[in-house]
């Protein structure tokens, strides 16, 4: 099995539990790894047979930019579910970072894995 990845996808969103966080948009960063068998699209050179990372990115940008969650944990779960359900991905690893949220740290956030690695 192969990995299709999206690295440092930056999306502005309303996220956080504090009043000031609810009034501003913050930039979030997503690193995503998705299990996908690339042998078929590689053999045919046909983009229609791929896990199209542009389509995944566009879907997440649309969803996240319109969302308004208190917790990064909730947003990460919802994004992983979108990837698995709408793009037929059996396994996803998603890292959601909130840069600048904690003084002294480059970023904080969560990393989740959902699904099973295909045989």
PDB file of N, CA and C in Angstrom:
ATOM      1  N   UNK A   1       0.843  -1.175   0.000  1.00  0.00           N
ATOM      2  CA  UNK A   1       0.000   0.000   0.000  1.00  0.00           C
ATOM      3  C   UNK A   1       0.888   1.238   0.000  1.00  0.00           C
ATOM      4  N   UNK A   2       0.393   2.281  -0.604  1.00  0.00           N
ATOM      5  CA  UNK A   2       1.139   3.524  -0.738  1.00  0.00           C
ATOM      6  C   UNK A   2       0.519   4.604   0.140  1.00  0.00           C
ATOM      7  N   UNK A   3       1.203   5.720   0.229  1.00  0.00           N
ATOM      8  CA  UNK A   3       0.723   6.879   0.978  1.00  0.00           C
ATOM      9  C   UNK A   3       0.600   8.062   0.022  1.00  0.00           C
ATOM     10  N   UNK A   4      -0.552   8.669   0.000  1.00  0.00           N
ATOM     11  CA  UNK A   4      -0.746   9.959  -0.658  1.00  0.00           C
ATOM     12  C   UNK A   4      -0.779  10.974   0.481  1.00  0.00           C
ATOM     13  N   UNK A   5       0.008  12.053   0.351  1.00  0.00           N
ATOM     14  CA  UNK A   5       0.065  12.990   1.469  1.00  0.00           C
ATOM     15  C   UNK A   5      -0.174  14.423   1.045  1.00  0.00           C
ATOM     16  N   UNK A   6      -0.612  15.197   2.016  1.00  0.00           N
ATOM     17  CA  UNK A   6      -0.769  16.646   1.900  1.00  0.00           C
ATOM     18  C   UNK A   6      -0.036  17.217   3.108  1.00  0.00           C
ATOM     19  N   UNK A   7       0.905  18.104   2.857  1.00  0.00           N
ATOM     20  CA  UNK A   7       1.733  18.626   3.934  1.00  0.00           C
ATOM     21  C   UNK A   7       1.523  20.130   4.099  1.00  0.00           C
ATOM     22  N   UNK A   8       1.302  20.537   5.334  1.00  0.00           N
ATOM     23  CA  UNK A   8       1.182  21.950   5.706  1.00  0.00           C
ATOM     24  C   UNK A   8       0.100  22.672   4.910  1.00  0.00           C
ATOM     25  N   UNK A   9      -1.075  22.053   4.835  1.00  0.00           N
ATOM     26  CA  UNK A   9      -2.233  22.702   4.238  1.00  0.00           C
ATOM     27  C   UNK A   9      -2.743  23.723   5.250  1.00  0.00           C
ATOM     28  N   UNK A  10      -2.660  24.999   4.910  1.00  0.00           N
ATOM     29  CA  UNK A  10      -3.020  26.075   5.839  1.00  0.00           C
ATOM     30  C   UNK A  10      -4.416  26.587   5.524  1.00  0.00           C
ATOM     31  N   UNK A  11      -5.245  26.593   6.584  1.00  0.00           N
ATOM     32  CA  UNK A  11      -6.640  27.003   6.436  1.00  0.00           C
ATOM     33  C   UNK A  11      -7.002  27.905   7.615  1.00  0.00           C
ATOM     34  N   UNK A  12      -7.629  29.038   7.330  1.00  0.00           N
ATOM     35  CA  UNK A  12      -8.099  29.941   8.377  1.00  0.00           C
ATOM     36  C   UNK A  12      -9.473  29.490   8.845  1.00  0.00           C
ATOM     37  N   UNK A  13      -9.645  29.492  10.181  1.00  0.00           N
ATOM     38  CA  UNK A  13     -10.909  29.027  10.751  1.00  0.00           C
ATOM     39  C   UNK A  13     -11.154  29.684  12.094  1.00  0.00           C
ATOM     40  N   UNK A  14     -12.396  29.618  12.538  1.00  0.00           N
ATOM     41  CA  UNK A  14     -12.737  29.986  13.906  1.00  0.00           C
ATOM     42  C   UNK A  14     -12.571  28.717  14.732  1.00  0.00           C
ATOM     43  N   UNK A  15     -11.642  28.764  15.685  1.00  0.00           N
ATOM     44  CA  UNK A  15     -11.363  27.584  16.517  1.00  0.00           C
ATOM     45  C   UNK A  15     -10.907  28.056  17.887  1.00  0.00           C
ATOM     46  N   UNK A  16     -11.419  27.430  18.919  1.00  0.00           N
ATOM     47  CA  UNK A  16     -10.966  27.756  20.264  1.00  0.00           C
ATOM     48  C   UNK A  16     -12.114  27.915  21.239  1.00  0.00           C
ATOM     49  N   UNK A  17     -11.758  27.936  22.510  1.00  0.00           N
ATOM     50  CA  UNK A  17     -12.761  27.993  23.569  1.00  0.00           C
ATOM     51  C   UNK A  17     -12.856  29.362  24.246  1.00  0.00           C
ATOM     52  N   UNK A  18     -11.859  30.196  24.045  1.00  0.00           N
ATOM     53  CA  UNK A  18     -11.864  31.506  24.690  1.00  0.00           C
ATOM     54  C   UNK A  18     -12.629  32.521  23.839  1.00  0.00           C
ATOM     55  N   UNK A  19     -13.215  33.514  24.507  1.00  0.00           N
ATOM     56  CA  UNK A  19     -14.003  34.526  23.800  1.00  0.00           C
ATOM     57  C   UNK A  19     -13.230  35.180  22.672  1.00  0.00           C
ATOM     58  N   UNK A  20     -11.964  35.549  22.926  1.00  0.00           N
ATOM     59  CA  UNK A  20     -11.189  36.226  21.884  1.00  0.00           C
ATOM     60  C   UNK A  20     -10.978  35.319  20.674  1.00  0.00           C
ATOM     61  N   UNK A  21     -10.879  33.995  20.918  1.00  0.00           N
ATOM     62  CA  UNK A  21     -10.685  33.054  19.807  1.00  0.00           C
ATOM     63  C   UNK A  21     -11.938  32.943  18.934  1.00  0.00           C
ATOM     64  N   UNK A  22     -13.082  33.190  19.521  1.00  0.00           N
ATOM     65  CA  UNK A  22     -14.344  33.077  18.794  1.00  0.00           C
ATOM     66  C   UNK A  22     -14.583  34.301  17.898  1.00  0.00           C
ATOM     67  N   UNK A  23     -13.791  35.377  18.118  1.00  0.00           N
ATOM     68  CA  UNK A  23     -13.968  36.610  17.349  1.00  0.00           C
ATOM     69  C   UNK A  23     -12.958  36.768  16.214  1.00  0.00           C
ATOM     70  N   UNK A  24     -11.981  35.879  16.117  1.00  0.00           N
ATOM     71  CA  UNK A  24     -10.941  35.997  15.087  1.00  0.00           C
ATOM     72  C   UNK A  24     -10.794  34.681  14.335  1.00  0.00           C
ATOM     73  N   UNK A  25     -10.213  34.771  13.161  1.00  0.00           N
ATOM     74  CA  UNK A  25      -9.883  33.565  12.401  1.00  0.00           C
ATOM     75  C   UNK A  25      -8.412  33.253  12.669  1.00  0.00           C
ATOM     76  N   UNK A  26      -8.123  32.001  12.915  1.00  0.00           N
ATOM     77  CA  UNK A  26      -6.759  31.560  13.157  1.00  0.00           C
ATOM     78  C   UNK A  26      -6.330  30.602  12.041  1.00  0.00           C
ATOM     79  N   UNK A  27      -5.062  30.656  11.703  1.00  0.00           N
ATOM     80  CA  UNK A  27      -4.541  29.761  10.677  1.00  0.00           C
ATOM     81  C   UNK A  27      -4.175  28.426  11.305  1.00  0.00           C
ATOM     82  N   UNK A  28      -4.747  27.372  10.763  1.00  0.00           N
ATOM     83  CA  UNK A  28      -4.442  26.007  11.183  1.00  0.00           C
ATOM     84  C   UNK A  28      -3.607  25.349  10.100  1.00  0.00           C
ATOM     85  N   UNK A  29      -2.816  24.362  10.496  1.00  0.00           N
ATOM     86  CA  UNK A  29      -1.984  23.625   9.545  1.00  0.00           C
ATOM     87  C   UNK A  29      -2.332  22.140   9.628  1.00  0.00           C
ATOM     88  N   UNK A  30      -2.528  21.538   8.457  1.00  0.00           N
ATOM     89  CA  UNK A  30      -2.876  20.121   8.374  1.00  0.00           C
ATOM     90  C   UNK A  30      -1.780  19.352   7.637  1.00  0.00           C
ATOM     91  N   UNK A  31      -1.358  18.242   8.214  1.00  0.00           N
ATOM     92  CA  UNK A  31      -0.517  17.248   7.548  1.00  0.00           C
ATOM     93  C   UNK A  31      -1.348  15.978   7.486  1.00  0.00           C
ATOM     94  N   UNK A  32      -1.515  15.448   6.295  1.00  0.00           N
ATOM     95  CA  UNK A  32      -2.423  14.316   6.097  1.00  0.00           C
ATOM     96  C   UNK A  32      -1.718  13.225   5.306  1.00  0.00           C
ATOM     97  N   UNK A  33      -1.839  11.989   5.781  1.00  0.00           N
ATOM     98  CA  UNK A  33      -1.353  10.808   5.064  1.00  0.00           C
ATOM     99  C   UNK A  33      -2.535   9.884   4.852  1.00  0.00           C
ATOM    100  N   UNK A  34      -2.688   9.395   3.620  1.00  0.00           N
ATOM    101  CA  UNK A  34      -3.827   8.553   3.271  1.00  0.00           C
ATOM    102  C   UNK A  34      -3.344   7.306   2.542  1.00  0.00           C
ATOM    103  N   UNK A  35      -3.802   6.152   2.980  1.00  0.00           N
ATOM    104  CA  UNK A  35      -3.444   4.896   2.319  1.00  0.00           C
ATOM    105  C   UNK A  35      -4.174   4.798   0.987  1.00  0.00           C
ATOM    106  N   UNK A  36      -3.401   4.477  -0.062  1.00  0.00           N
ATOM    107  CA  UNK A  36      -4.006   4.342  -1.392  1.00  0.00           C
ATOM    108  C   UNK A  36      -3.084   3.510  -2.267  1.00  0.00           C
ATOM    109  N   UNK A  37      -3.664   2.615  -3.045  1.00  0.00           N
ATOM    110  CA  UNK A  37      -2.889   1.799  -3.969  1.00  0.00           C
ATOM    111  C   UNK A  37      -2.666   2.585  -5.258  1.00  0.00           C
ATOM    112  N   UNK A  38      -1.455   3.051  -5.453  1.00  0.00           N
ATOM    113  CA  UNK A  38      -1.129   3.876  -6.621  1.00  0.00           C
ATOM    114  C   UNK A  38      -0.729   3.080  -7.858  1.00  0.00           C
ATOM    115  N   UNK A  39      -0.745   1.758  -7.801  1.00  0.00           N
ATOM    116  CA  UNK A  39      -0.279   0.976  -8.949  1.00  0.00           C
ATOM    117  C   UNK A  39      -1.201   1.128 -10.159  1.00  0.00           C
ATOM    118  N   UNK A  40      -2.503   1.195  -9.945  1.00  0.00           N
ATOM    119  CA  UNK A  40      -3.444   1.313 -11.062  1.00  0.00           C
ATOM    120  C   UNK A  40      -3.307   2.673 -11.755  1.00  0.00           C
ATOM    121  N   UNK A  41      -3.374   3.791 -11.029  1.00  0.00           N
ATOM    122  CA  UNK A  41      -3.200   5.069 -11.732  1.00  0.00           C
ATOM    123  C   UNK A  41      -1.806   5.229 -12.341  1.00  0.00           C
ATOM    124  N   UNK A  42      -0.801   4.677 -11.692  1.00  0.00           N
ATOM    125  CA  UNK A  42       0.553   4.778 -12.242  1.00  0.00           C
ATOM    126  C   UNK A  42       0.666   4.019 -13.564  1.00  0.00           C
ATOM    127  N   UNK A  43       0.002   2.882 -13.664  1.00  0.00           N
ATOM    128  CA  UNK A  43       0.069   2.079 -14.889  1.00  0.00           C
ATOM    129  C   UNK A  43      -0.664   2.746 -16.051  1.00  0.00           C
ATOM    130  N   UNK A  44      -1.740   3.472 -15.729  1.00  0.00           N
ATOM    131  CA  UNK A  44      -2.550   4.070 -16.795  1.00  0.00           C
ATOM    132  C   UNK A  44      -2.261   5.552 -17.023  1.00  0.00           C
ATOM    133  N   UNK A  45      -1.592   6.182 -16.073  1.00  0.00           N
ATOM    134  CA  UNK A  45      -1.314   7.629 -16.133  1.00  0.00           C
ATOM    135  C   UNK A  45      -2.608   8.433 -16.237  1.00  0.00           C
ATOM    136  N   UNK A  46      -3.656   7.949 -15.534  1.00  0.00           N
ATOM    137  CA  UNK A  46      -4.980   8.556 -15.594  1.00  0.00           C
ATOM    138  C   UNK A  46      -5.329   9.172 -14.243  1.00  0.00           C
ATOM    139  N   UNK A  47      -5.450  10.490 -14.193  1.00  0.00           N
ATOM    140  CA  UNK A  47      -5.743  11.172 -12.931  1.00  0.00           C
ATOM    141  C   UNK A  47      -7.088  10.754 -12.343  1.00  0.00           C
ATOM    142  N   UNK A  48      -8.009  10.335 -13.171  1.00  0.00           N
ATOM    143  CA  UNK A  48      -9.321   9.917 -12.685  1.00  0.00           C
ATOM    144  C   UNK A  48      -9.236   8.700 -11.767  1.00  0.00           C
ATOM    145  N   UNK A  49      -8.146   7.959 -11.851  1.00  0.00           N
ATOM    146  CA  UNK A  49      -7.988   6.753 -11.038  1.00  0.00           C
ATOM    147  C   UNK A  49      -7.195   7.009  -9.754  1.00  0.00           C
ATOM    148  N   UNK A  50      -6.780   8.243  -9.537  1.00  0.00           N
ATOM    149  CA  UNK A  50      -5.960   8.565  -8.368  1.00  0.00           C
ATOM    150  C   UNK A  50      -6.816   8.969  -7.177  1.00  0.00           C
ATOM    151  N   UNK A  51      -6.185   9.034  -6.028  1.00  0.00           N
ATOM    152  CA  UNK A  51      -6.726   9.750  -4.883  1.00  0.00           C
ATOM    153  C   UNK A  51      -6.231  11.176  -5.082  1.00  0.00           C
ATOM    154  N   UNK A  52      -7.077  12.014  -5.603  1.00  0.00           N
ATOM    155  CA  UNK A  52      -6.672  13.341  -6.052  1.00  0.00           C
ATOM    156  C   UNK A  52      -6.490  14.272  -4.851  1.00  0.00           C
ATOM    157  N   UNK A  53      -5.246  14.571  -4.536  1.00  0.00           N
ATOM    158  CA  UNK A  53      -4.954  15.401  -3.364  1.00  0.00           C
ATOM    159  C   UNK A  53      -5.475  16.825  -3.516  1.00  0.00           C
ATOM    160  N   UNK A  54      -5.632  17.293  -4.748  1.00  0.00           N
ATOM    161  CA  UNK A  54      -6.225  18.623  -4.946  1.00  0.00           C
ATOM    162  C   UNK A  54      -7.696  18.612  -4.529  1.00  0.00           C
ATOM    163  N   UNK A  55      -8.425  17.561  -4.919  1.00  0.00           N
ATOM    164  CA  UNK A  55      -9.829  17.456  -4.533  1.00  0.00           C
ATOM    165  C   UNK A  55      -9.986  17.334  -3.017  1.00  0.00           C
ATOM    166  N   UNK A  56      -9.125  16.537  -2.387  1.00  0.00           N
ATOM    167  CA  UNK A  56      -9.167  16.391  -0.928  1.00  0.00           C
ATOM    168  C   UNK A  56      -8.899  17.748  -0.276  1.00  0.00           C
ATOM    169  N   UNK A  57      -7.875  18.442  -0.754  1.00  0.00           N
ATOM    170  CA  UNK A  57      -7.511  19.747  -0.191  1.00  0.00           C
ATOM    171  C   UNK A  57      -8.655  20.744  -0.324  1.00  0.00           C
ATOM    172  N   UNK A  58      -9.249  20.814  -1.522  1.00  0.00           N
ATOM    173  CA  UNK A  58     -10.343  21.756  -1.746  1.00  0.00           C
ATOM    174  C   UNK A  58     -11.529  21.460  -0.832  1.00  0.00           C
ATOM    175  N   UNK A  59     -11.826  20.188  -0.643  1.00  0.00           N
ATOM    176  CA  UNK A  59     -12.955  19.812   0.224  1.00  0.00           C
ATOM    177  C   UNK A  59     -12.686  20.237   1.658  1.00  0.00           C
ATOM    178  N   UNK A  60     -11.459  19.990   2.142  1.00  0.00           N
ATOM    179  CA  UNK A  60     -11.126  20.363   3.513  1.00  0.00           C
ATOM    180  C   UNK A  60     -11.085  21.873   3.693  1.00  0.00           C
ATOM    181  N   UNK A  61     -10.534  22.599   2.728  1.00  0.00           N
ATOM    182  CA  UNK A  61     -10.508  24.061   2.817  1.00  0.00           C
ATOM    183  C   UNK A  61     -11.940  24.593   2.944  1.00  0.00           C
ATOM    184  N   UNK A  62     -12.835  24.095   2.119  1.00  0.00           N
ATOM    185  CA  UNK A  62     -14.229  24.528   2.181  1.00  0.00           C
ATOM    186  C   UNK A  62     -14.866  24.224   3.525  1.00  0.00           C
ATOM    187  N   UNK A  63     -14.653  23.015   4.003  1.00  0.00           N
ATOM    188  CA  UNK A  63     -15.267  22.601   5.271  1.00  0.00           C
ATOM    189  C   UNK A  63     -14.685  23.368   6.454  1.00  0.00           C
ATOM    190  N   UNK A  64     -13.374  23.383   6.566  1.00  0.00           N
ATOM    191  CA  UNK A  64     -12.712  23.987   7.729  1.00  0.00           C
ATOM    192  C   UNK A  64     -12.953  25.490   7.779  1.00  0.00           C
ATOM    193  N   UNK A  65     -12.888  26.156   6.642  1.00  0.00           N
ATOM    194  CA  UNK A  65     -13.053  27.608   6.641  1.00  0.00           C
ATOM    195  C   UNK A  65     -14.469  28.026   7.045  1.00  0.00           C
ATOM    196  N   UNK A  66     -15.446  27.145   6.858  1.00  0.00           N
ATOM    197  CA  UNK A  66     -16.828  27.434   7.256  1.00  0.00           C
ATOM    198  C   UNK A  66     -17.159  26.899   8.649  1.00  0.00           C
ATOM    199  N   UNK A  67     -16.245  26.160   9.270  1.00  0.00           N
ATOM    200  CA  UNK A  67     -16.520  25.530  10.561  1.00  0.00           C
ATOM    201  C   UNK A  67     -16.305  26.506  11.712  1.00  0.00           C
ATOM    202  N   UNK A  68     -16.750  26.088  12.877  1.00  0.00           N
ATOM    203  CA  UNK A  68     -16.578  26.886  14.092  1.00  0.00           C
ATOM    204  C   UNK A  68     -16.621  25.933  15.289  1.00  0.00           C
ATOM    205  N   UNK A  69     -15.479  25.341  15.606  1.00  0.00           N
ATOM    206  CA  UNK A  69     -15.406  24.380  16.705  1.00  0.00           C
ATOM    207  C   UNK A  69     -14.621  24.956  17.874  1.00  0.00           C
ATOM    208  N   UNK A  70     -14.888  24.442  19.047  1.00  0.00           N
ATOM    209  CA  UNK A  70     -14.121  24.816  20.221  1.00  0.00           C
ATOM    210  C   UNK A  70     -12.809  24.062  20.289  1.00  0.00           C
ATOM    211  N   UNK A  71     -12.836  22.797  19.924  1.00  0.00           N
ATOM    212  CA  UNK A  71     -11.672  21.925  20.107  1.00  0.00           C
ATOM    213  C   UNK A  71     -11.061  21.485  18.776  1.00  0.00           C
ATOM    214  N   UNK A  72      -9.729  21.473  18.734  1.00  0.00           N
ATOM    215  CA  UNK A  72      -9.051  20.929  17.553  1.00  0.00           C
ATOM    216  C   UNK A  72      -9.326  19.433  17.439  1.00  0.00           C
ATOM    217  N   UNK A  73      -9.567  18.771  18.558  1.00  0.00           N
ATOM    218  CA  UNK A  73      -9.873  17.341  18.539  1.00  0.00           C
ATOM    219  C   UNK A  73     -11.129  17.055  17.721  1.00  0.00           C
ATOM    220  N   UNK A  74     -12.153  17.887  17.919  1.00  0.00           N
ATOM    221  CA  UNK A  74     -13.408  17.713  17.183  1.00  0.00           C
ATOM    222  C   UNK A  74     -13.201  17.944  15.692  1.00  0.00           C
ATOM    223  N   UNK A  75     -12.501  19.014  15.365  1.00  0.00           N
ATOM    224  CA  UNK A  75     -12.251  19.328  13.953  1.00  0.00           C
ATOM    225  C   UNK A  75     -11.427  18.231  13.281  1.00  0.00           C
ATOM    226  N   UNK A  76     -10.430  17.706  13.963  1.00  0.00           N
ATOM    227  CA  UNK A  76      -9.610  16.631  13.406  1.00  0.00           C
ATOM    228  C   UNK A  76     -10.460  15.397  13.104  1.00  0.00           C
ATOM    229  N   UNK A  77     -11.331  15.033  14.025  1.00  0.00           N
ATOM    230  CA  UNK A  77     -12.208  13.870  13.820  1.00  0.00           C
ATOM    231  C   UNK A  77     -13.111  14.061  12.615  1.00  0.00           C
ATOM    232  N   UNK A  78     -13.687  15.249  12.489  1.00  0.00           N
ATOM    233  CA  UNK A  78     -14.594  15.518  11.372  1.00  0.00           C
ATOM    234  C   UNK A  78     -13.855  15.472  10.038  1.00  0.00           C
ATOM    235  N   UNK A  79     -12.649  16.023  10.002  1.00  0.00           N
ATOM    236  CA  UNK A  79     -11.869  16.012   8.758  1.00  0.00           C
ATOM    237  C   UNK A  79     -11.463  14.596   8.375  1.00  0.00           C
ATOM    238  N   UNK A  80     -11.058  13.800   9.343  1.00  0.00           N
ATOM    239  CA  UNK A  80     -10.705  12.404   9.064  1.00  0.00           C
ATOM    240  C   UNK A  80     -11.910  11.646   8.524  1.00  0.00           C
ATOM    241  N   UNK A  81     -13.071  11.898   9.090  1.00  0.00           N
ATOM    242  CA  UNK A  81     -14.289  11.232   8.615  1.00  0.00           C
ATOM    243  C   UNK A  81     -14.618  11.634   7.178  1.00  0.00           C
ATOM    244  N   UNK A  82     -14.470  12.896   6.840  1.00  0.00           N
ATOM    245  CA  UNK A  82     -14.712  13.357   5.464  1.00  0.00           C
ATOM    246  C   UNK A  82     -13.790  12.626   4.496  1.00  0.00           C
ATOM    247  N   UNK A  83     -12.518  12.550   4.836  1.00  0.00           N
ATOM    248  CA  UNK A  83     -11.540  11.892   3.964  1.00  0.00           C
ATOM    249  C   UNK A  83     -11.900  10.426   3.761  1.00  0.00           C
ATOM    250  N   UNK A  84     -12.222   9.739   4.848  1.00  0.00           N
ATOM    251  CA  UNK A  84     -12.523   8.315   4.750  1.00  0.00           C
ATOM    252  C   UNK A  84     -13.836   8.061   4.004  1.00  0.00           C
ATOM    253  N   UNK A  85     -14.868   8.812   4.338  1.00  0.00           N
ATOM    254  CA  UNK A  85     -16.192   8.547   3.775  1.00  0.00           C
ATOM    255  C   UNK A  85     -16.352   9.063   2.342  1.00  0.00           C
ATOM    256  N   UNK A  86     -15.852  10.243   2.061  1.00  0.00           N
ATOM    257  CA  UNK A  86     -16.090  10.846   0.752  1.00  0.00           C
ATOM    258  C   UNK A  86     -15.053  10.457  -0.297  1.00  0.00           C
ATOM    259  N   UNK A  87     -13.866  10.027   0.153  1.00  0.00           N
ATOM    260  CA  UNK A  87     -12.809   9.709  -0.808  1.00  0.00           C
ATOM    261  C   UNK A  87     -12.407   8.234  -0.771  1.00  0.00           C
ATOM    262  N   UNK A  88     -13.145   7.429  -0.003  1.00  0.00           N
ATOM    263  CA  UNK A  88     -12.911   5.987   0.020  1.00  0.00           C
ATOM    264  C   UNK A  88     -11.558   5.584   0.571  1.00  0.00           C
ATOM    265  N   UNK A  89     -11.054   6.346   1.525  1.00  0.00           N
ATOM    266  CA  UNK A  89      -9.748   6.065   2.130  1.00  0.00           C
ATOM    267  C   UNK A  89      -9.958   5.154   3.343  1.00  0.00           C
ATOM    268  N   UNK A  90      -9.276   4.025   3.379  1.00  0.00           N
ATOM    269  CA  UNK A  90      -9.471   3.085   4.478  1.00  0.00           C
ATOM    270  C   UNK A  90      -8.662   3.452   5.731  1.00  0.00           C
ATOM    271  N   UNK A  91      -7.551   4.176   5.548  1.00  0.00           N
ATOM    272  CA  UNK A  91      -6.704   4.576   6.674  1.00  0.00           C
ATOM    273  C   UNK A  91      -6.195   5.981   6.436  1.00  0.00           C
ATOM    274  N   UNK A  92      -6.276   6.807   7.481  1.00  0.00           N
ATOM    275  CA  UNK A  92      -5.778   8.181   7.394  1.00  0.00           C
ATOM    276  C   UNK A  92      -5.053   8.531   8.690  1.00  0.00           C
ATOM    277  N   UNK A  93      -3.950   9.242   8.540  1.00  0.00           N
ATOM    278  CA  UNK A  93      -3.248   9.855   9.681  1.00  0.00           C
ATOM    279  C   UNK A  93      -3.328  11.355   9.437  1.00  0.00           C
ATOM    280  N   UNK A  94      -3.870  12.082  10.415  1.00  0.00           N
ATOM    281  CA  UNK A  94      -4.076  13.509  10.275  1.00  0.00           C
ATOM    282  C   UNK A  94      -3.454  14.230  11.461  1.00  0.00           C
ATOM    283  N   UNK A  95      -2.621  15.208  11.162  1.00  0.00           N
ATOM    284  CA  UNK A  95      -2.035  16.064  12.186  1.00  0.00           C
ATOM    285  C   UNK A  95      -2.608  17.452  11.984  1.00  0.00           C
ATOM    286  N   UNK A  96      -3.248  17.989  13.021  1.00  0.00           N
ATOM    287  CA  UNK A  96      -3.820  19.329  12.983  1.00  0.00           C
ATOM    288  C   UNK A  96      -3.041  20.179  13.971  1.00  0.00           C
ATOM    289  N   UNK A  97      -2.374  21.209  13.473  1.00  0.00           N
ATOM    290  CA  UNK A  97      -1.553  22.087  14.308  1.00  0.00           C
ATOM    291  C   UNK A  97      -2.190  23.461  14.398  1.00  0.00           C
ATOM    292  N   UNK A  98      -2.068  24.034  15.596  1.00  0.00           N
ATOM    293  CA  UNK A  98      -2.545  25.387  15.856  1.00  0.00           C
ATOM    294  C   UNK A  98      -1.317  26.224  16.220  1.00  0.00           C
ATOM    295  N   UNK A  99      -0.685  26.828  15.204  1.00  0.00           N
ATOM    296  CA  UNK A  99       0.539  27.597  15.457  1.00  0.00           C
ATOM    297  C   UNK A  99       0.286  28.803  16.368  1.00  0.00           C
ATOM    298  N   UNK A 100       1.254  29.039  17.256  1.00  0.00           N
ATOM    299  CA  UNK A 100       1.194  30.217  18.108  1.00  0.00           C
ATOM    300  C   UNK A 100       0.194  30.158  19.241  1.00  0.00           C
ATOM    301  N   UNK A 101      -0.425  29.020  19.481  1.00  0.00           N
ATOM    302  CA  UNK A 101      -1.449  28.925  20.522  1.00  0.00           C
ATOM    303  C   UNK A 101      -0.866  28.924  21.932  1.00  0.00           C
ATOM    304  N   UNK A 102       0.365  28.475  22.060  1.00  0.00           N
ATOM    305  CA  UNK A 102       1.021  28.415  23.371  1.00  0.00           C
ATOM    306  C   UNK A 102       2.343  29.161  23.282  1.00  0.00           C
ATOM    307  N   UNK A 103       2.523  30.112  24.169  1.00  0.00           N
ATOM    308  CA  UNK A 103       3.764  30.883  24.184  1.00  0.00           C
ATOM    309  C   UNK A 103       4.956  29.938  24.356  1.00  0.00           C
ATOM    310  N   UNK A 104       5.952  30.137  23.523  1.00  0.00           N
ATOM    311  CA  UNK A 104       7.166  29.332  23.594  1.00  0.00           C
ATOM    312  C   UNK A 104       7.143  28.087  22.716  1.00  0.00           C
ATOM    313  N   UNK A 105       5.980  27.757  22.181  1.00  0.00           N
ATOM    314  CA  UNK A 105       5.863  26.572  21.309  1.00  0.00           C
ATOM    315  C   UNK A 105       5.560  27.034  19.894  1.00  0.00           C
ATOM    316  N   UNK A 106       6.191  26.379  18.930  1.00  0.00           N
ATOM    317  CA  UNK A 106       5.905  26.684  17.520  1.00  0.00           C
ATOM    318  C   UNK A 106       4.438  26.400  17.199  1.00  0.00           C
ATOM    319  N   UNK A 107       3.936  25.283  17.699  1.00  0.00           N
ATOM    320  CA  UNK A 107       2.546  24.896  17.453  1.00  0.00           C
ATOM    321  C   UNK A 107       2.136  23.832  18.461  1.00  0.00           C
ATOM    322  N   UNK A 108       0.842  23.685  18.632  1.00  0.00           N
ATOM    323  CA  UNK A 108       0.257  22.601  19.423  1.00  0.00           C
ATOM    324  C   UNK A 108      -0.871  21.999  18.592  1.00  0.00           C
ATOM    325  N   UNK A 109      -1.345  20.846  18.990  1.00  0.00           N
ATOM    326  CA  UNK A 109      -2.444  20.244  18.248  1.00  0.00           C
ATOM    327  C   UNK A 109      -2.606  18.780  18.552  1.00  0.00           C
ATOM    328  N   UNK A 110      -3.142  18.065  17.578  1.00  0.00           N
ATOM    329  CA  UNK A 110      -3.391  16.635  17.738  1.00  0.00           C
ATOM    330  C   UNK A 110      -2.957  15.883  16.479  1.00  0.00           C
ATOM    331  N   UNK A 111      -2.638  14.623  16.681  1.00  0.00           N
ATOM    332  CA  UNK A 111      -2.371  13.710  15.568  1.00  0.00           C
ATOM    333  C   UNK A 111      -3.247  12.484  15.812  1.00  0.00           C
ATOM    334  N   UNK A 112      -4.055  12.140  14.812  1.00  0.00           N
ATOM    335  CA  UNK A 112      -4.941  10.984  14.948  1.00  0.00           C
ATOM    336  C   UNK A 112      -4.736  10.036  13.775  1.00  0.00           C
ATOM    337  N   UNK A 113      -5.035   8.774  13.992  1.00  0.00           N
ATOM    338  CA  UNK A 113      -5.089   7.760  12.934  1.00  0.00           C
ATOM    339  C   UNK A 113      -6.447   7.099  13.025  1.00  0.00           C
ATOM    340  N   UNK A 114      -7.082   6.990  11.874  1.00  0.00           N
ATOM    341  CA  UNK A 114      -8.401   6.350  11.826  1.00  0.00           C
ATOM    342  C   UNK A 114      -8.435   5.347  10.685  1.00  0.00           C
ATOM    343  N   UNK A 115      -9.159   4.254  10.927  1.00  0.00           N
ATOM    344  CA  UNK A 115      -9.317   3.214   9.927  1.00  0.00           C
ATOM    345  C   UNK A 115      -8.292   2.114  10.111  1.00  0.00           C
ATOM    346  N   UNK A 116      -8.289   1.216   9.149  1.00  0.00           N
ATOM    347  CA  UNK A 116      -7.353   0.088   9.175  1.00  0.00           C
ATOM    348  C   UNK A 116      -6.504   0.107   7.924  1.00  0.00           C
ATOM    349  N   UNK A 117      -5.272  -0.282   8.116  1.00  0.00           N
ATOM    350  CA  UNK A 117      -4.340  -0.352   6.993  1.00  0.00           C
ATOM    351  C   UNK A 117      -4.771  -1.499   6.084  1.00  0.00           C
ATOM    352  N   UNK A 118      -4.998  -1.204   4.809  1.00  0.00           N
ATOM    353  CA  UNK A 118      -5.446  -2.264   3.896  1.00  0.00           C
ATOM    354  C   UNK A 118      -4.368  -3.316   3.651  1.00  0.00           C
ATOM    355  N   UNK A 119      -4.820  -4.545   3.414  1.00  0.00           N
ATOM    356  CA  UNK A 119      -3.880  -5.639   3.135  1.00  0.00           C
ATOM    357  C   UNK A 119      -3.410  -5.608   1.698  1.00  0.00           C
TER     358      UNK A 119
END
